[in-house]
């Protein structure tokens, strides 16, 4: 079964496989499965074709930002901050902590691993 360009393993439980989709955690996966009245531990290959279609349609129609669309929107938010030249955008661009953390002693890893956008 393939949803949002992610191939879900047919032999594993539906709960574990839904968590692989970017933007769906355990809590959200349980909520979705409760809405569709699907057992959490049921393997995907035990689902009927109707249930599979219902799950795909629900994820595509109701859950608007998942997978690559969610990644794109997050990336666009970072880029928008940088283009608008906000304080946060400056911090993102220069690989500094954004949320008010101390930089005098503890920001060494942030400077090494930070997000860098070239504009």
C-alpha atoms as a PDB file:
ATOM      1  CA  UNK A   1       0.000   0.000   0.000  1.00  0.00           C
ATOM      2  CA  UNK A   2       1.389   3.401  -0.950  1.00  0.00           C
ATOM      3  CA  UNK A   3       0.309   6.723   0.589  1.00  0.00           C
ATOM      4  CA  UNK A   4       2.087  10.082   0.085  1.00  0.00           C
ATOM      5  CA  UNK A   5       4.922   8.330  -1.825  1.00  0.00           C
ATOM      6  CA  UNK A   6       5.672   6.096   1.173  1.00  0.00           C
ATOM      7  CA  UNK A   7       5.344   2.353   0.777  1.00  0.00           C
ATOM      8  CA  UNK A   8       3.755   0.818   3.852  1.00  0.00           C
ATOM      9  CA  UNK A   9       4.830  -2.723   4.784  1.00  0.00           C
ATOM     10  CA  UNK A  10       1.886  -5.099   4.366  1.00  0.00           C
ATOM     11  CA  UNK A  11       2.876  -7.440   7.217  1.00  0.00           C
ATOM     12  CA  UNK A  12       3.212  -4.832   9.985  1.00  0.00           C
ATOM     13  CA  UNK A  13       0.464  -3.252  12.064  1.00  0.00           C
ATOM     14  CA  UNK A  14      -1.398  -0.318  10.589  1.00  0.00           C
ATOM     15  CA  UNK A  15      -0.517   1.910  13.570  1.00  0.00           C
ATOM     16  CA  UNK A  16       3.246   1.464  13.139  1.00  0.00           C
ATOM     17  CA  UNK A  17       3.031   2.062   9.412  1.00  0.00           C
ATOM     18  CA  UNK A  18       0.905   5.218   9.644  1.00  0.00           C
ATOM     19  CA  UNK A  19       3.522   6.757  11.939  1.00  0.00           C
ATOM     20  CA  UNK A  20       6.023   6.539   9.050  1.00  0.00           C
ATOM     21  CA  UNK A  21       4.093   9.261   7.204  1.00  0.00           C
ATOM     22  CA  UNK A  22       5.596  12.678   7.947  1.00  0.00           C
ATOM     23  CA  UNK A  23       3.185  14.638  10.131  1.00  0.00           C
ATOM     24  CA  UNK A  24       1.416  11.675  11.752  1.00  0.00           C
ATOM     25  CA  UNK A  25       2.451  10.620  15.236  1.00  0.00           C
ATOM     26  CA  UNK A  26       1.101   7.833  17.421  1.00  0.00           C
ATOM     27  CA  UNK A  27      -1.672   9.945  18.914  1.00  0.00           C
ATOM     28  CA  UNK A  28      -2.898  11.241  15.562  1.00  0.00           C
ATOM     29  CA  UNK A  29      -2.695   7.757  14.010  1.00  0.00           C
ATOM     30  CA  UNK A  30      -4.820   6.313  16.814  1.00  0.00           C
ATOM     31  CA  UNK A  31      -7.356   9.107  16.377  1.00  0.00           C
ATOM     32  CA  UNK A  32      -7.594   8.458  12.623  1.00  0.00           C
ATOM     33  CA  UNK A  33      -7.980   4.703  13.128  1.00  0.00           C
ATOM     34  CA  UNK A  34     -10.670   5.281  15.767  1.00  0.00           C
ATOM     35  CA  UNK A  35     -12.612   7.482  13.346  1.00  0.00           C
ATOM     36  CA  UNK A  36     -12.473   4.777  10.697  1.00  0.00           C
ATOM     37  CA  UNK A  37     -13.074   1.966  13.257  1.00  0.00           C
ATOM     38  CA  UNK A  38      -9.929   0.030  12.385  1.00  0.00           C
ATOM     39  CA  UNK A  39      -8.019  -2.059  14.945  1.00  0.00           C
ATOM     40  CA  UNK A  40      -4.525  -0.672  15.729  1.00  0.00           C
ATOM     41  CA  UNK A  41      -2.739  -4.009  15.726  1.00  0.00           C
ATOM     42  CA  UNK A  42      -4.268  -5.331  12.514  1.00  0.00           C
ATOM     43  CA  UNK A  43      -1.713  -5.883   9.734  1.00  0.00           C
ATOM     44  CA  UNK A  44      -2.333  -3.946   6.539  1.00  0.00           C
ATOM     45  CA  UNK A  45      -2.790  -7.078   4.445  1.00  0.00           C
ATOM     46  CA  UNK A  46      -5.751  -8.097   6.685  1.00  0.00           C
ATOM     47  CA  UNK A  47      -7.626  -4.903   5.816  1.00  0.00           C
ATOM     48  CA  UNK A  48     -10.319  -5.143   3.193  1.00  0.00           C
ATOM     49  CA  UNK A  49      -9.956  -3.191  -0.025  1.00  0.00           C
ATOM     50  CA  UNK A  50     -12.841  -0.961   1.083  1.00  0.00           C
ATOM     51  CA  UNK A  51     -11.064  -0.068   4.336  1.00  0.00           C
ATOM     52  CA  UNK A  52      -7.796   0.610   2.489  1.00  0.00           C
ATOM     53  CA  UNK A  53      -9.571   2.902   0.042  1.00  0.00           C
ATOM     54  CA  UNK A  54     -11.415   4.608   2.897  1.00  0.00           C
ATOM     55  CA  UNK A  55      -8.135   5.200   4.757  1.00  0.00           C
ATOM     56  CA  UNK A  56      -6.396   6.601   1.654  1.00  0.00           C
ATOM     57  CA  UNK A  57      -9.314   8.876   0.840  1.00  0.00           C
ATOM     58  CA  UNK A  58      -9.515  10.123   4.439  1.00  0.00           C
ATOM     59  CA  UNK A  59      -5.804  10.932   4.591  1.00  0.00           C
ATOM     60  CA  UNK A  60      -5.825  12.714   1.253  1.00  0.00           C
ATOM     61  CA  UNK A  61      -9.027  14.709   1.774  1.00  0.00           C
ATOM     62  CA  UNK A  62      -9.241  15.477   5.503  1.00  0.00           C
ATOM     63  CA  UNK A  63      -5.593  15.680   6.531  1.00  0.00           C
ATOM     64  CA  UNK A  64      -4.418  18.444   4.230  1.00  0.00           C
ATOM     65  CA  UNK A  65      -0.821  18.948   5.252  1.00  0.00           C
ATOM     66  CA  UNK A  66       1.041  15.666   5.441  1.00  0.00           C
ATOM     67  CA  UNK A  67       4.157  14.238   3.857  1.00  0.00           C
ATOM     68  CA  UNK A  68       6.016  16.382   1.358  1.00  0.00           C
ATOM     69  CA  UNK A  69       3.399  19.152   1.448  1.00  0.00           C
ATOM     70  CA  UNK A  70       4.041  19.627   5.166  1.00  0.00           C
ATOM     71  CA  UNK A  71       7.816  19.625   4.645  1.00  0.00           C
ATOM     72  CA  UNK A  72       7.414  22.214   1.887  1.00  0.00           C
ATOM     73  CA  UNK A  73       5.250  24.492   4.023  1.00  0.00           C
ATOM     74  CA  UNK A  74       7.747  24.347   6.916  1.00  0.00           C
ATOM     75  CA  UNK A  75      10.608  25.153   4.549  1.00  0.00           C
ATOM     76  CA  UNK A  76       8.622  28.028   3.038  1.00  0.00           C
ATOM     77  CA  UNK A  77       7.983  29.424   6.514  1.00  0.00           C
ATOM     78  CA  UNK A  78      11.739  29.474   7.209  1.00  0.00           C
ATOM     79  CA  UNK A  79      12.449  31.094   3.868  1.00  0.00           C
ATOM     80  CA  UNK A  80       9.691  33.683   4.351  1.00  0.00           C
ATOM     81  CA  UNK A  81      11.220  34.738   7.684  1.00  0.00           C
ATOM     82  CA  UNK A  82      14.586  35.199   5.980  1.00  0.00           C
ATOM     83  CA  UNK A  83      13.190  37.134   3.012  1.00  0.00           C
ATOM     84  CA  UNK A  84      11.215  39.478   5.293  1.00  0.00           C
ATOM     85  CA  UNK A  85      14.463  40.127   7.205  1.00  0.00           C
ATOM     86  CA  UNK A  86      12.927  39.521  10.599  1.00  0.00           C
ATOM     87  CA  UNK A  87      15.005  38.929  13.689  1.00  0.00           C
ATOM     88  CA  UNK A  88      14.183  35.216  13.568  1.00  0.00           C
ATOM     89  CA  UNK A  89      15.120  35.112   9.885  1.00  0.00           C
ATOM     90  CA  UNK A  90      18.506  36.608  10.701  1.00  0.00           C
ATOM     91  CA  UNK A  91      19.027  33.959  13.393  1.00  0.00           C
ATOM     92  CA  UNK A  92      18.041  31.166  10.969  1.00  0.00           C
ATOM     93  CA  UNK A  93      20.334  32.477   8.249  1.00  0.00           C
ATOM     94  CA  UNK A  94      23.367  32.748  10.526  1.00  0.00           C
ATOM     95  CA  UNK A  95      22.830  29.358  12.203  1.00  0.00           C
ATOM     96  CA  UNK A  96      22.139  30.806  15.634  1.00  0.00           C
ATOM     97  CA  UNK A  97      19.563  29.691  18.212  1.00  0.00           C
ATOM     98  CA  UNK A  98      16.189  31.198  17.352  1.00  0.00           C
ATOM     99  CA  UNK A  99      14.113  30.803  20.490  1.00  0.00           C
ATOM    100  CA  UNK A 100      16.062  32.903  22.972  1.00  0.00           C
ATOM    101  CA  UNK A 101      18.598  30.362  24.154  1.00  0.00           C
ATOM    102  CA  UNK A 102      21.873  31.417  25.690  1.00  0.00           C
ATOM    103  CA  UNK A 103      24.696  31.809  23.169  1.00  0.00           C
ATOM    104  CA  UNK A 104      27.592  32.737  25.409  1.00  0.00           C
ATOM    105  CA  UNK A 105      28.454  29.139  26.303  1.00  0.00           C
ATOM    106  CA  UNK A 106      25.937  26.599  25.051  1.00  0.00           C
ATOM    107  CA  UNK A 107      25.353  27.323  21.359  1.00  0.00           C
ATOM    108  CA  UNK A 108      28.313  25.437  19.893  1.00  0.00           C
ATOM    109  CA  UNK A 109      26.295  22.561  18.415  1.00  0.00           C
ATOM    110  CA  UNK A 110      23.694  24.919  16.980  1.00  0.00           C
ATOM    111  CA  UNK A 111      26.380  26.798  15.106  1.00  0.00           C
ATOM    112  CA  UNK A 112      27.731  23.519  13.739  1.00  0.00           C
ATOM    113  CA  UNK A 113      24.431  21.905  12.746  1.00  0.00           C
ATOM    114  CA  UNK A 114      22.129  24.846  12.079  1.00  0.00           C
ATOM    115  CA  UNK A 115      19.953  25.415   9.063  1.00  0.00           C
ATOM    116  CA  UNK A 116      21.580  27.540   6.407  1.00  0.00           C
ATOM    117  CA  UNK A 117      19.698  29.158   3.578  1.00  0.00           C
ATOM    118  CA  UNK A 118      21.542  30.951   0.825  1.00  0.00           C
ATOM    119  CA  UNK A 119      19.808  34.063  -0.435  1.00  0.00           C
END
